Amino acid sequence: MHIINARLRNREGLHDLHLENGRIASITAQTAVPALMADDLDAAGHLVIPPFVEPHIHLDATLTAGEPRWNMSGTLFEGIECWGERKATITEEDTRTRAHKTIQALAAHGIQHVRTHVDVTDPDLTALKAMLQVREESAHLIDLQIVAFPQEGIESYRNGRELMEEAIRLGADVIGGIPHFEYTRDQGVSSVKFLMDLAERTGCL
């Protein structure tokens, strides 16, 4: 497969990108307009760039605005309260459906690499289990990195440490934290120390 008539950053003229097995095998400056074969794409002189990155999204909470109520104050803390109420009703199927719909939109806008935070302050880890499935199901579209995110705190949430450990064991890629949301400063400091230790023990980011 070739992408012909492509314009590239910091290069003059048009180029032919030869693709093999989903990767760029070679880039050749065009001296003449090549014939367009059946599987080729004609960039028509437009700029071809690497895919975009979405470094921070919450795919488990996407497309839930107004459910079960609107965040009327527009504040982070009321938003977290609203999510806590919505979280009580989520299922794996619900989470997967919403995540896939959002991923389709991301991919359509040129985003290929996505880091999603997933709430693990849930005794059943419902959202995490759903997102682990989504990561496999959407691998043909995006590279999905999952952050184990303790939305309601670690020290302030029952079995918060154990849930973080289990999230990493199940397959989360990154260890997240929310020290400013813990009940006290000391708990916030303690949570950071725990997270650093967990990252060191597991080799996670």
N, C-alpha and C. Protein backbone atom coordinates (compact mmCIF):
# COMPACT_ATOMS: atom_id res chain seq x y z
N MET A 1 0.84 -1.19 0.00
CA MET A 1 0.00 0.00 0.00
C MET A 1 0.88 1.24 0.00
N HIS A 2 0.42 2.28 -0.72
CA HIS A 2 1.16 3.54 -0.78
C HIS A 2 0.22 4.71 -0.47
N ILE A 3 0.77 5.72 0.17
CA ILE A 3 0.10 7.02 0.27
C ILE A 3 0.90 7.94 -0.63
N ILE A 4 0.29 8.38 -1.71
CA ILE A 4 1.01 9.20 -2.69
C ILE A 4 0.61 10.67 -2.57
N ASN A 5 1.43 11.51 -3.19
CA ASN A 5 1.17 12.96 -3.20
C ASN A 5 1.03 13.52 -1.79
N ALA A 6 1.87 13.02 -0.89
CA ALA A 6 1.82 13.45 0.51
C ALA A 6 2.82 14.57 0.76
N ARG A 7 2.38 15.57 1.49
CA ARG A 7 3.28 16.64 1.92
C ARG A 7 3.71 16.35 3.35
N LEU A 8 5.01 16.49 3.63
CA LEU A 8 5.56 16.18 4.95
C LEU A 8 6.20 17.41 5.58
N ARG A 9 6.22 17.45 6.89
CA ARG A 9 6.86 18.56 7.60
C ARG A 9 8.35 18.58 7.31
N ASN A 10 8.87 19.78 7.12
CA ASN A 10 10.31 20.00 6.94
C ASN A 10 10.88 19.31 5.70
N ARG A 11 10.02 18.98 4.74
CA ARG A 11 10.49 18.39 3.48
C ARG A 11 9.81 19.11 2.32
N GLU A 12 10.56 19.36 1.29
CA GLU A 12 10.03 20.03 0.11
C GLU A 12 9.37 19.02 -0.82
N GLY A 13 8.36 19.47 -1.54
CA GLY A 13 7.74 18.63 -2.56
C GLY A 13 6.80 17.59 -1.99
N LEU A 14 6.41 16.67 -2.89
CA LEU A 14 5.48 15.61 -2.52
C LEU A 14 6.22 14.29 -2.36
N HIS A 15 5.63 13.40 -1.56
CA HIS A 15 6.30 12.15 -1.23
C HIS A 15 5.36 10.95 -1.35
N ASP A 16 6.00 9.81 -1.54
CA ASP A 16 5.30 8.52 -1.62
C ASP A 16 5.67 7.74 -0.35
N LEU A 17 4.65 7.41 0.45
CA LEU A 17 4.87 6.63 1.67
C LEU A 17 4.46 5.19 1.39
N HIS A 18 5.41 4.29 1.52
CA HIS A 18 5.15 2.87 1.28
C HIS A 18 4.88 2.20 2.63
N LEU A 19 3.71 1.56 2.76
CA LEU A 19 3.32 0.92 4.02
C LEU A 19 3.34 -0.60 3.88
N GLU A 20 3.88 -1.25 4.91
CA GLU A 20 3.88 -2.71 4.98
C GLU A 20 3.51 -3.12 6.40
N ASN A 21 2.54 -4.03 6.52
CA ASN A 21 2.12 -4.55 7.83
C ASN A 21 1.74 -3.44 8.80
N GLY A 22 1.07 -2.41 8.27
CA GLY A 22 0.60 -1.34 9.12
C GLY A 22 1.64 -0.33 9.54
N ARG A 23 2.84 -0.41 8.97
CA ARG A 23 3.91 0.53 9.31
C ARG A 23 4.50 1.15 8.05
N ILE A 24 5.08 2.34 8.22
CA ILE A 24 5.75 2.99 7.09
C ILE A 24 7.08 2.30 6.84
N ALA A 25 7.22 1.69 5.68
CA ALA A 25 8.45 0.97 5.34
C ALA A 25 9.47 1.89 4.68
N SER A 26 8.99 2.86 3.90
CA SER A 26 9.92 3.78 3.24
C SER A 26 9.18 5.05 2.83
N ILE A 27 9.96 6.11 2.68
CA ILE A 27 9.44 7.40 2.21
C ILE A 27 10.32 7.84 1.05
N THR A 28 9.69 8.10 -0.09
CA THR A 28 10.43 8.46 -1.29
C THR A 28 9.91 9.78 -1.85
N ALA A 29 10.84 10.66 -2.19
CA ALA A 29 10.44 11.92 -2.83
C ALA A 29 9.92 11.61 -4.23
N GLN A 30 8.79 12.17 -4.58
CA GLN A 30 8.20 11.93 -5.89
C GLN A 30 8.82 12.86 -6.93
N THR A 31 9.21 12.28 -8.05
CA THR A 31 9.69 13.07 -9.18
C THR A 31 8.63 13.17 -10.27
N ALA A 32 7.64 12.26 -10.16
CA ALA A 32 6.51 12.28 -11.09
C ALA A 32 5.30 11.72 -10.35
N VAL A 33 4.12 11.98 -10.87
CA VAL A 33 2.91 11.48 -10.21
C VAL A 33 2.79 9.98 -10.47
N PRO A 34 2.83 9.16 -9.41
CA PRO A 34 2.74 7.71 -9.62
C PRO A 34 1.31 7.28 -9.92
N ALA A 35 1.20 6.09 -10.49
CA ALA A 35 -0.13 5.53 -10.76
C ALA A 35 -0.78 5.13 -9.44
N LEU A 36 -2.06 5.40 -9.30
CA LEU A 36 -2.80 5.07 -8.08
C LEU A 36 -3.34 3.66 -8.20
N MET A 37 -2.81 2.75 -7.38
CA MET A 37 -3.25 1.36 -7.39
C MET A 37 -4.49 1.20 -6.51
N ALA A 38 -5.07 0.00 -6.54
CA ALA A 38 -6.36 -0.24 -5.89
C ALA A 38 -6.36 0.08 -4.40
N ASP A 39 -5.30 -0.30 -3.69
CA ASP A 39 -5.27 -0.11 -2.23
C ASP A 39 -4.60 1.19 -1.81
N ASP A 40 -4.15 1.99 -2.76
CA ASP A 40 -3.42 3.21 -2.42
C ASP A 40 -4.36 4.34 -2.01
N LEU A 41 -3.78 5.30 -1.31
CA LEU A 41 -4.50 6.52 -0.93
C LEU A 41 -3.80 7.72 -1.56
N ASP A 42 -4.58 8.65 -2.06
CA ASP A 42 -4.03 9.87 -2.65
C ASP A 42 -4.21 11.01 -1.64
N ALA A 43 -3.10 11.48 -1.07
CA ALA A 43 -3.17 12.57 -0.10
C ALA A 43 -3.46 13.91 -0.77
N ALA A 44 -3.36 13.96 -2.08
CA ALA A 44 -3.73 15.15 -2.86
C ALA A 44 -3.00 16.41 -2.39
N GLY A 45 -1.74 16.23 -2.01
CA GLY A 45 -0.94 17.39 -1.61
C GLY A 45 -1.15 17.85 -0.19
N HIS A 46 -1.96 17.12 0.58
CA HIS A 46 -2.21 17.52 1.96
C HIS A 46 -1.09 17.02 2.88
N LEU A 47 -1.01 17.65 4.04
CA LEU A 47 0.01 17.31 5.03
C LEU A 47 -0.31 15.98 5.71
N VAL A 48 0.67 15.11 5.78
CA VAL A 48 0.55 13.83 6.49
C VAL A 48 1.41 13.93 7.75
N ILE A 49 0.80 13.71 8.91
CA ILE A 49 1.50 13.84 10.19
C ILE A 49 1.25 12.60 11.05
N PRO A 50 2.05 12.42 12.09
CA PRO A 50 1.80 11.31 13.02
C PRO A 50 0.46 11.49 13.72
N PRO A 51 -0.10 10.41 14.28
CA PRO A 51 -1.39 10.52 14.97
C PRO A 51 -1.26 11.34 16.25
N PHE A 52 -2.39 11.86 16.70
CA PHE A 52 -2.43 12.65 17.92
C PHE A 52 -2.48 11.75 19.15
N VAL A 53 -2.24 12.37 20.31
CA VAL A 53 -2.28 11.67 21.60
C VAL A 53 -3.33 12.35 22.48
N GLU A 54 -4.17 11.56 23.12
CA GLU A 54 -5.08 12.06 24.16
C GLU A 54 -4.50 11.61 25.50
N PRO A 55 -3.83 12.52 26.23
CA PRO A 55 -3.11 12.11 27.44
C PRO A 55 -3.96 12.01 28.70
N HIS A 56 -5.20 12.51 28.65
CA HIS A 56 -6.01 12.51 29.88
C HIS A 56 -7.50 12.49 29.53
N ILE A 57 -8.10 11.33 29.74
CA ILE A 57 -9.54 11.18 29.53
C ILE A 57 -10.04 10.16 30.55
N HIS A 58 -11.33 10.20 30.85
CA HIS A 58 -11.95 9.23 31.76
C HIS A 58 -13.00 8.47 30.95
N LEU A 59 -12.57 7.42 30.26
CA LEU A 59 -13.49 6.69 29.38
C LEU A 59 -14.59 5.98 30.15
N ASP A 60 -14.36 5.70 31.44
CA ASP A 60 -15.41 5.04 32.22
C ASP A 60 -16.55 6.00 32.52
N ALA A 61 -16.27 7.30 32.50
CA ALA A 61 -17.29 8.30 32.83
C ALA A 61 -17.79 9.06 31.60
N THR A 62 -17.25 8.74 30.44
CA THR A 62 -17.62 9.49 29.25
C THR A 62 -19.10 9.30 28.90
N LEU A 63 -19.69 10.34 28.32
CA LEU A 63 -21.08 10.32 27.87
C LEU A 63 -22.08 10.08 29.00
N THR A 64 -21.76 10.59 30.19
CA THR A 64 -22.68 10.46 31.32
C THR A 64 -23.16 11.82 31.83
N ALA A 65 -22.89 12.90 31.11
CA ALA A 65 -23.32 14.23 31.56
C ALA A 65 -24.83 14.25 31.78
N GLY A 66 -25.23 14.77 32.94
CA GLY A 66 -26.65 14.84 33.26
C GLY A 66 -27.21 13.58 33.89
N GLU A 67 -26.37 12.57 34.07
CA GLU A 67 -26.81 11.32 34.69
C GLU A 67 -26.10 11.13 36.03
N PRO A 68 -26.79 11.02 37.13
CA PRO A 68 -28.25 11.12 37.30
C PRO A 68 -28.75 12.55 37.40
N ARG A 69 -27.80 13.53 37.46
CA ARG A 69 -28.19 14.93 37.56
C ARG A 69 -27.06 15.77 37.00
N TRP A 70 -27.35 17.05 36.75
CA TRP A 70 -26.35 17.96 36.22
C TRP A 70 -25.51 18.55 37.35
N ASN A 71 -24.27 18.84 37.03
CA ASN A 71 -23.37 19.53 37.95
C ASN A 71 -23.69 21.02 37.86
N MET A 72 -24.62 21.47 38.69
CA MET A 72 -25.14 22.83 38.57
C MET A 72 -24.13 23.89 39.00
N SER A 73 -23.20 23.54 39.89
CA SER A 73 -22.20 24.52 40.33
C SER A 73 -21.04 24.60 39.36
N GLY A 74 -20.88 23.57 38.54
CA GLY A 74 -19.75 23.53 37.61
C GLY A 74 -18.42 23.29 38.28
N THR A 75 -18.44 22.85 39.53
CA THR A 75 -17.19 22.64 40.28
C THR A 75 -16.73 21.19 40.19
N LEU A 76 -15.45 21.00 40.42
CA LEU A 76 -14.88 19.66 40.42
C LEU A 76 -15.55 18.79 41.48
N PHE A 77 -15.73 19.35 42.67
CA PHE A 77 -16.22 18.53 43.77
C PHE A 77 -17.67 18.09 43.56
N GLU A 78 -18.51 18.96 42.99
CA GLU A 78 -19.87 18.50 42.68
C GLU A 78 -19.83 17.49 41.54
N GLY A 79 -18.91 17.68 40.61
CA GLY A 79 -18.75 16.72 39.53
C GLY A 79 -18.40 15.34 40.07
N ILE A 80 -17.52 15.29 41.06
CA ILE A 80 -17.15 14.01 41.68
C ILE A 80 -18.35 13.40 42.40
N GLU A 81 -19.16 14.26 43.05
CA GLU A 81 -20.37 13.77 43.71
C GLU A 81 -21.33 13.16 42.69
N CYS A 82 -21.52 13.85 41.57
CA CYS A 82 -22.40 13.34 40.52
C CYS A 82 -21.90 11.99 39.99
N TRP A 83 -20.59 11.91 39.79
CA TRP A 83 -20.03 10.66 39.29
C TRP A 83 -20.21 9.54 40.31
N GLY A 84 -20.06 9.86 41.61
CA GLY A 84 -20.26 8.85 42.64
C GLY A 84 -21.66 8.26 42.58
N GLU A 85 -22.65 9.09 42.28
CA GLU A 85 -24.03 8.62 42.16
C GLU A 85 -24.20 7.78 40.89
N ARG A 86 -23.61 8.22 39.80
CA ARG A 86 -23.71 7.47 38.53
C ARG A 86 -22.96 6.15 38.62
N LYS A 87 -21.83 6.18 39.33
CA LYS A 87 -20.99 4.99 39.44
C LYS A 87 -21.75 3.83 40.09
N ALA A 88 -22.68 4.15 40.97
CA ALA A 88 -23.43 3.11 41.67
C ALA A 88 -24.30 2.29 40.72
N THR A 89 -24.52 2.80 39.50
CA THR A 89 -25.42 2.12 38.56
C THR A 89 -24.69 1.53 37.36
N ILE A 90 -23.38 1.69 37.27
CA ILE A 90 -22.69 1.24 36.05
C ILE A 90 -22.61 -0.28 35.99
N THR A 91 -22.55 -0.76 34.77
CA THR A 91 -22.29 -2.17 34.51
C THR A 91 -21.13 -2.26 33.53
N GLU A 92 -20.57 -3.44 33.37
CA GLU A 92 -19.49 -3.59 32.40
C GLU A 92 -19.99 -3.29 30.99
N GLU A 93 -21.18 -3.75 30.66
CA GLU A 93 -21.71 -3.52 29.31
C GLU A 93 -21.94 -2.03 29.05
N ASP A 94 -22.51 -1.35 30.04
CA ASP A 94 -22.74 0.09 29.93
C ASP A 94 -21.43 0.83 29.71
N THR A 95 -20.43 0.48 30.49
CA THR A 95 -19.13 1.15 30.39
C THR A 95 -18.47 0.88 29.05
N ARG A 96 -18.51 -0.36 28.61
CA ARG A 96 -17.89 -0.72 27.33
C ARG A 96 -18.57 0.00 26.17
N THR A 97 -19.89 0.07 26.19
CA THR A 97 -20.62 0.72 25.10
C THR A 97 -20.25 2.19 24.99
N ARG A 98 -20.22 2.89 26.12
CA ARG A 98 -19.89 4.31 26.10
C ARG A 98 -18.43 4.54 25.70
N ALA A 99 -17.55 3.69 26.21
CA ALA A 99 -16.12 3.84 25.89
C ALA A 99 -15.87 3.62 24.40
N HIS A 100 -16.49 2.60 23.83
CA HIS A 100 -16.29 2.33 22.40
C HIS A 100 -16.82 3.47 21.53
N LYS A 101 -17.94 4.06 21.92
CA LYS A 101 -18.49 5.18 21.15
C LYS A 101 -17.52 6.36 21.17
N THR A 102 -16.93 6.62 22.33
CA THR A 102 -15.97 7.72 22.43
C THR A 102 -14.69 7.41 21.67
N ILE A 103 -14.23 6.18 21.73
CA ILE A 103 -13.01 5.79 21.01
C ILE A 103 -13.20 5.96 19.50
N GLN A 104 -14.38 5.63 19.00
CA GLN A 104 -14.65 5.84 17.58
C GLN A 104 -14.50 7.32 17.22
N ALA A 105 -14.98 8.20 18.09
CA ALA A 105 -14.86 9.64 17.84
C ALA A 105 -13.41 10.09 17.91
N LEU A 106 -12.66 9.56 18.87
CA LEU A 106 -11.24 9.91 18.99
C LEU A 106 -10.48 9.49 17.74
N ALA A 107 -10.70 8.25 17.31
CA ALA A 107 -9.99 7.74 16.13
C ALA A 107 -10.35 8.54 14.88
N ALA A 108 -11.61 8.95 14.77
CA ALA A 108 -12.05 9.72 13.61
C ALA A 108 -11.38 11.09 13.55
N HIS A 109 -10.87 11.56 14.68
CA HIS A 109 -10.17 12.85 14.73
C HIS A 109 -8.65 12.68 14.76
N GLY A 110 -8.18 11.50 14.39
CA GLY A 110 -6.74 11.30 14.25
C GLY A 110 -6.00 10.96 15.52
N ILE A 111 -6.72 10.58 16.56
CA ILE A 111 -6.08 10.22 17.83
C ILE A 111 -5.87 8.71 17.86
N GLN A 112 -4.63 8.30 18.10
CA GLN A 112 -4.31 6.87 18.10
C GLN A 112 -3.81 6.39 19.45
N HIS A 113 -3.27 7.28 20.26
CA HIS A 113 -2.72 6.90 21.56
C HIS A 113 -3.55 7.57 22.65
N VAL A 114 -4.11 6.78 23.56
CA VAL A 114 -5.04 7.30 24.57
C VAL A 114 -4.63 6.79 25.95
N ARG A 115 -4.56 7.73 26.89
CA ARG A 115 -4.38 7.36 28.30
C ARG A 115 -5.68 7.67 29.03
N THR A 116 -6.33 6.64 29.56
CA THR A 116 -7.57 6.84 30.28
C THR A 116 -7.41 6.55 31.76
N HIS A 117 -7.98 7.43 32.58
CA HIS A 117 -8.08 7.18 34.01
C HIS A 117 -9.35 6.38 34.25
N VAL A 118 -9.26 5.36 35.09
CA VAL A 118 -10.41 4.52 35.40
C VAL A 118 -10.58 4.45 36.91
N ASP A 119 -11.77 4.76 37.38
CA ASP A 119 -12.05 4.80 38.81
C ASP A 119 -11.98 3.39 39.41
N VAL A 120 -11.08 3.22 40.38
CA VAL A 120 -10.96 1.91 41.04
C VAL A 120 -11.45 1.96 42.48
N THR A 121 -12.13 3.05 42.88
CA THR A 121 -12.76 3.07 44.19
C THR A 121 -14.16 2.48 44.04
N ASP A 122 -14.15 1.19 43.83
CA ASP A 122 -15.36 0.39 43.62
C ASP A 122 -15.00 -1.03 44.04
N PRO A 123 -15.68 -1.59 45.03
CA PRO A 123 -15.33 -2.92 45.52
C PRO A 123 -15.29 -3.99 44.44
N ASP A 124 -16.09 -3.81 43.38
CA ASP A 124 -16.15 -4.80 42.30
C ASP A 124 -15.24 -4.47 41.12
N LEU A 125 -14.65 -3.28 41.13
CA LEU A 125 -13.79 -2.84 40.03
C LEU A 125 -14.47 -3.01 38.67
N THR A 126 -15.75 -2.67 38.63
CA THR A 126 -16.56 -2.86 37.42
C THR A 126 -16.00 -2.12 36.22
N ALA A 127 -15.70 -0.84 36.41
CA ALA A 127 -15.21 -0.03 35.29
C ALA A 127 -13.86 -0.53 34.79
N LEU A 128 -13.00 -0.91 35.71
CA LEU A 128 -11.68 -1.40 35.31
C LEU A 128 -11.80 -2.68 34.49
N LYS A 129 -12.62 -3.61 34.94
CA LYS A 129 -12.78 -4.87 34.21
C LYS A 129 -13.34 -4.61 32.81
N ALA A 130 -14.25 -3.65 32.71
CA ALA A 130 -14.79 -3.30 31.40
C ALA A 130 -13.71 -2.69 30.51
N MET A 131 -12.89 -1.81 31.09
CA MET A 131 -11.88 -1.11 30.29
C MET A 131 -10.78 -2.06 29.83
N LEU A 132 -10.48 -3.07 30.62
CA LEU A 132 -9.50 -4.07 30.19
C LEU A 132 -10.00 -4.80 28.95
N GLN A 133 -11.31 -5.05 28.88
CA GLN A 133 -11.89 -5.65 27.67
C GLN A 133 -11.82 -4.67 26.50
N VAL A 134 -12.15 -3.42 26.79
CA VAL A 134 -12.13 -2.39 25.74
C VAL A 134 -10.74 -2.25 25.14
N ARG A 135 -9.71 -2.34 25.98
CA ARG A 135 -8.34 -2.23 25.49
C ARG A 135 -8.05 -3.28 24.43
N GLU A 136 -8.52 -4.50 24.66
CA GLU A 136 -8.30 -5.56 23.68
C GLU A 136 -9.18 -5.37 22.45
N GLU A 137 -10.43 -5.00 22.68
CA GLU A 137 -11.39 -4.88 21.59
C GLU A 137 -11.08 -3.72 20.65
N SER A 138 -10.40 -2.71 21.14
CA SER A 138 -10.13 -1.51 20.33
C SER A 138 -8.67 -1.43 19.88
N ALA A 139 -7.92 -2.51 20.06
CA ALA A 139 -6.48 -2.48 19.75
C ALA A 139 -6.21 -2.19 18.27
N HIS A 140 -7.16 -2.48 17.40
CA HIS A 140 -6.98 -2.21 15.97
C HIS A 140 -7.12 -0.72 15.65
N LEU A 141 -7.68 0.06 16.60
CA LEU A 141 -7.89 1.49 16.38
C LEU A 141 -6.92 2.36 17.17
N ILE A 142 -6.71 2.02 18.44
CA ILE A 142 -5.91 2.87 19.32
C ILE A 142 -5.01 2.03 20.22
N ASP A 143 -3.98 2.68 20.74
CA ASP A 143 -3.20 2.12 21.84
C ASP A 143 -3.77 2.71 23.11
N LEU A 144 -4.35 1.88 23.96
CA LEU A 144 -5.03 2.36 25.17
C LEU A 144 -4.21 2.02 26.41
N GLN A 145 -3.85 3.06 27.15
CA GLN A 145 -3.12 2.90 28.41
C GLN A 145 -4.08 3.21 29.56
N ILE A 146 -4.14 2.32 30.54
CA ILE A 146 -5.12 2.44 31.61
C ILE A 146 -4.45 2.85 32.92
N VAL A 147 -4.95 3.93 33.50
CA VAL A 147 -4.48 4.42 34.79
C VAL A 147 -5.45 3.94 35.87
N ALA A 148 -4.94 3.24 36.88
CA ALA A 148 -5.76 2.89 38.04
C ALA A 148 -5.90 4.15 38.89
N PHE A 149 -7.10 4.74 38.87
CA PHE A 149 -7.31 6.05 39.48
C PHE A 149 -8.27 5.94 40.66
N PRO A 150 -7.80 6.22 41.87
CA PRO A 150 -8.66 6.13 43.07
C PRO A 150 -9.47 7.42 43.26
N GLN A 151 -10.55 7.56 42.52
CA GLN A 151 -11.31 8.81 42.49
C GLN A 151 -11.73 9.31 43.87
N GLU A 152 -12.05 8.40 44.78
CA GLU A 152 -12.50 8.80 46.11
C GLU A 152 -11.41 8.65 47.17
N GLY A 153 -10.19 8.56 46.74
CA GLY A 153 -9.07 8.49 47.67
C GLY A 153 -8.61 7.06 47.93
N ILE A 154 -7.45 6.97 48.54
CA ILE A 154 -6.89 5.66 48.91
C ILE A 154 -7.05 5.43 50.40
N GLU A 155 -6.51 6.34 51.19
CA GLU A 155 -6.61 6.21 52.64
C GLU A 155 -8.02 6.55 53.12
N SER A 156 -8.76 7.35 52.35
CA SER A 156 -10.10 7.78 52.76
C SER A 156 -11.19 6.82 52.28
N TYR A 157 -10.81 5.83 51.47
CA TYR A 157 -11.80 4.91 50.93
C TYR A 157 -11.53 3.51 51.48
N ARG A 158 -12.58 2.83 51.87
CA ARG A 158 -12.43 1.51 52.47
C ARG A 158 -11.70 0.55 51.53
N ASN A 159 -10.66 -0.07 52.05
CA ASN A 159 -9.84 -1.02 51.28
C ASN A 159 -9.20 -0.37 50.05
N GLY A 160 -8.94 0.94 50.15
CA GLY A 160 -8.37 1.66 49.02
C GLY A 160 -7.04 1.10 48.56
N ARG A 161 -6.19 0.75 49.49
CA ARG A 161 -4.88 0.20 49.11
C ARG A 161 -5.04 -1.15 48.41
N GLU A 162 -5.89 -1.99 48.97
CA GLU A 162 -6.10 -3.32 48.38
C GLU A 162 -6.68 -3.22 46.97
N LEU A 163 -7.58 -2.26 46.77
CA LEU A 163 -8.17 -2.09 45.43
C LEU A 163 -7.13 -1.63 44.42
N MET A 164 -6.22 -0.76 44.85
CA MET A 164 -5.14 -0.33 43.95
C MET A 164 -4.25 -1.52 43.58
N GLU A 165 -3.91 -2.32 44.58
CA GLU A 165 -3.07 -3.50 44.32
C GLU A 165 -3.76 -4.44 43.33
N GLU A 166 -5.06 -4.67 43.55
CA GLU A 166 -5.81 -5.58 42.69
C GLU A 166 -5.93 -5.02 41.27
N ALA A 167 -6.09 -3.72 41.15
CA ALA A 167 -6.19 -3.10 39.82
C ALA A 167 -4.93 -3.34 39.01
N ILE A 168 -3.78 -3.21 39.65
CA ILE A 168 -2.52 -3.46 38.95
C ILE A 168 -2.38 -4.94 38.62
N ARG A 169 -2.80 -5.79 39.54
CA ARG A 169 -2.72 -7.23 39.29
C ARG A 169 -3.58 -7.63 38.09
N LEU A 170 -4.74 -6.98 37.95
CA LEU A 170 -5.64 -7.32 36.85
C LEU A 170 -5.14 -6.82 35.50
N GLY A 171 -4.28 -5.79 35.51
CA GLY A 171 -3.72 -5.35 34.23
C GLY A 171 -3.69 -3.87 33.96
N ALA A 172 -4.00 -3.02 34.96
CA ALA A 172 -3.85 -1.58 34.75
C ALA A 172 -2.38 -1.26 34.50
N ASP A 173 -2.11 -0.25 33.68
CA ASP A 173 -0.74 0.06 33.26
C ASP A 173 -0.05 1.10 34.14
N VAL A 174 -0.84 2.02 34.69
CA VAL A 174 -0.28 3.19 35.37
C VAL A 174 -0.95 3.34 36.74
N ILE A 175 -0.17 3.80 37.71
CA ILE A 175 -0.67 4.02 39.06
C ILE A 175 -1.00 5.50 39.24
N GLY A 176 -2.25 5.78 39.55
CA GLY A 176 -2.69 7.16 39.75
C GLY A 176 -2.99 7.44 41.21
N GLY A 177 -3.16 8.71 41.52
CA GLY A 177 -3.46 9.10 42.89
C GLY A 177 -4.26 10.39 42.93
N ILE A 178 -4.76 10.71 44.12
CA ILE A 178 -5.53 11.94 44.30
C ILE A 178 -5.33 12.43 45.73
N PRO A 179 -4.07 12.75 46.09
CA PRO A 179 -3.76 13.09 47.49
C PRO A 179 -4.54 14.28 48.02
N HIS A 180 -4.88 15.23 47.16
CA HIS A 180 -5.61 16.42 47.61
C HIS A 180 -7.06 16.12 47.97
N PHE A 181 -7.55 14.93 47.63
CA PHE A 181 -8.94 14.57 47.92
C PHE A 181 -9.06 13.73 49.19
N GLU A 182 -7.93 13.31 49.75
CA GLU A 182 -7.97 12.57 51.01
C GLU A 182 -8.52 13.46 52.11
N TYR A 183 -9.00 12.85 53.18
CA TYR A 183 -9.64 13.62 54.25
C TYR A 183 -8.69 14.59 54.93
N THR A 184 -7.43 14.20 55.09
CA THR A 184 -6.47 15.05 55.78
C THR A 184 -5.18 15.14 54.98
N ARG A 185 -4.36 16.13 55.33
CA ARG A 185 -3.06 16.27 54.67
C ARG A 185 -2.20 15.03 54.94
N ASP A 186 -2.23 14.55 56.18
CA ASP A 186 -1.42 13.37 56.52
C ASP A 186 -1.82 12.17 55.68
N GLN A 187 -3.11 12.01 55.44
CA GLN A 187 -3.56 10.91 54.58
C GLN A 187 -3.09 11.11 53.14
N GLY A 188 -3.08 12.36 52.71
CA GLY A 188 -2.59 12.65 51.37
C GLY A 188 -1.13 12.27 51.22
N VAL A 189 -0.32 12.65 52.21
CA VAL A 189 1.11 12.31 52.20
C VAL A 189 1.28 10.79 52.24
N SER A 190 0.50 10.13 53.09
CA SER A 190 0.59 8.68 53.20
C SER A 190 0.22 8.00 51.89
N SER A 191 -0.79 8.54 51.20
CA SER A 191 -1.20 7.94 49.93
C SER A 191 -0.10 8.05 48.88
N VAL A 192 0.60 9.18 48.85
CA VAL A 192 1.69 9.36 47.89
C VAL A 192 2.81 8.36 48.17
N LYS A 193 3.14 8.18 49.44
CA LYS A 193 4.19 7.21 49.79
C LYS A 193 3.78 5.81 49.37
N PHE A 194 2.52 5.47 49.59
CA PHE A 194 2.03 4.15 49.18
C PHE A 194 2.12 3.98 47.67
N LEU A 195 1.72 5.01 46.92
CA LEU A 195 1.74 4.93 45.46
C LEU A 195 3.15 4.77 44.92
N MET A 196 4.10 5.51 45.50
CA MET A 196 5.49 5.39 45.06
C MET A 196 6.02 3.99 45.33
N ASP A 197 5.66 3.44 46.49
CA ASP A 197 6.10 2.08 46.82
C ASP A 197 5.47 1.07 45.88
N LEU A 198 4.18 1.24 45.58
CA LEU A 198 3.49 0.32 44.68
C LEU A 198 4.10 0.38 43.28
N ALA A 199 4.41 1.57 42.82
CA ALA A 199 5.03 1.71 41.50
C ALA A 199 6.39 1.03 41.45
N GLU A 200 7.16 1.18 42.51
CA GLU A 200 8.48 0.57 42.55
C GLU A 200 8.38 -0.95 42.59
N ARG A 201 7.42 -1.46 43.35
CA ARG A 201 7.26 -2.92 43.48
C ARG A 201 6.76 -3.57 42.21
N THR A 202 5.92 -2.86 41.48
CA THR A 202 5.28 -3.46 40.30
C THR A 202 5.92 -3.06 38.98
N GLY A 203 6.79 -2.05 39.02
CA GLY A 203 7.41 -1.58 37.79
C GLY A 203 6.48 -0.77 36.91
N CYS A 204 5.37 -0.29 37.48
CA CYS A 204 4.42 0.52 36.71
C CYS A 204 4.81 1.99 36.75
N LEU A 205 4.29 2.74 35.80
CA LEU A 205 4.48 4.19 35.80
C LEU A 205 3.74 4.78 36.98
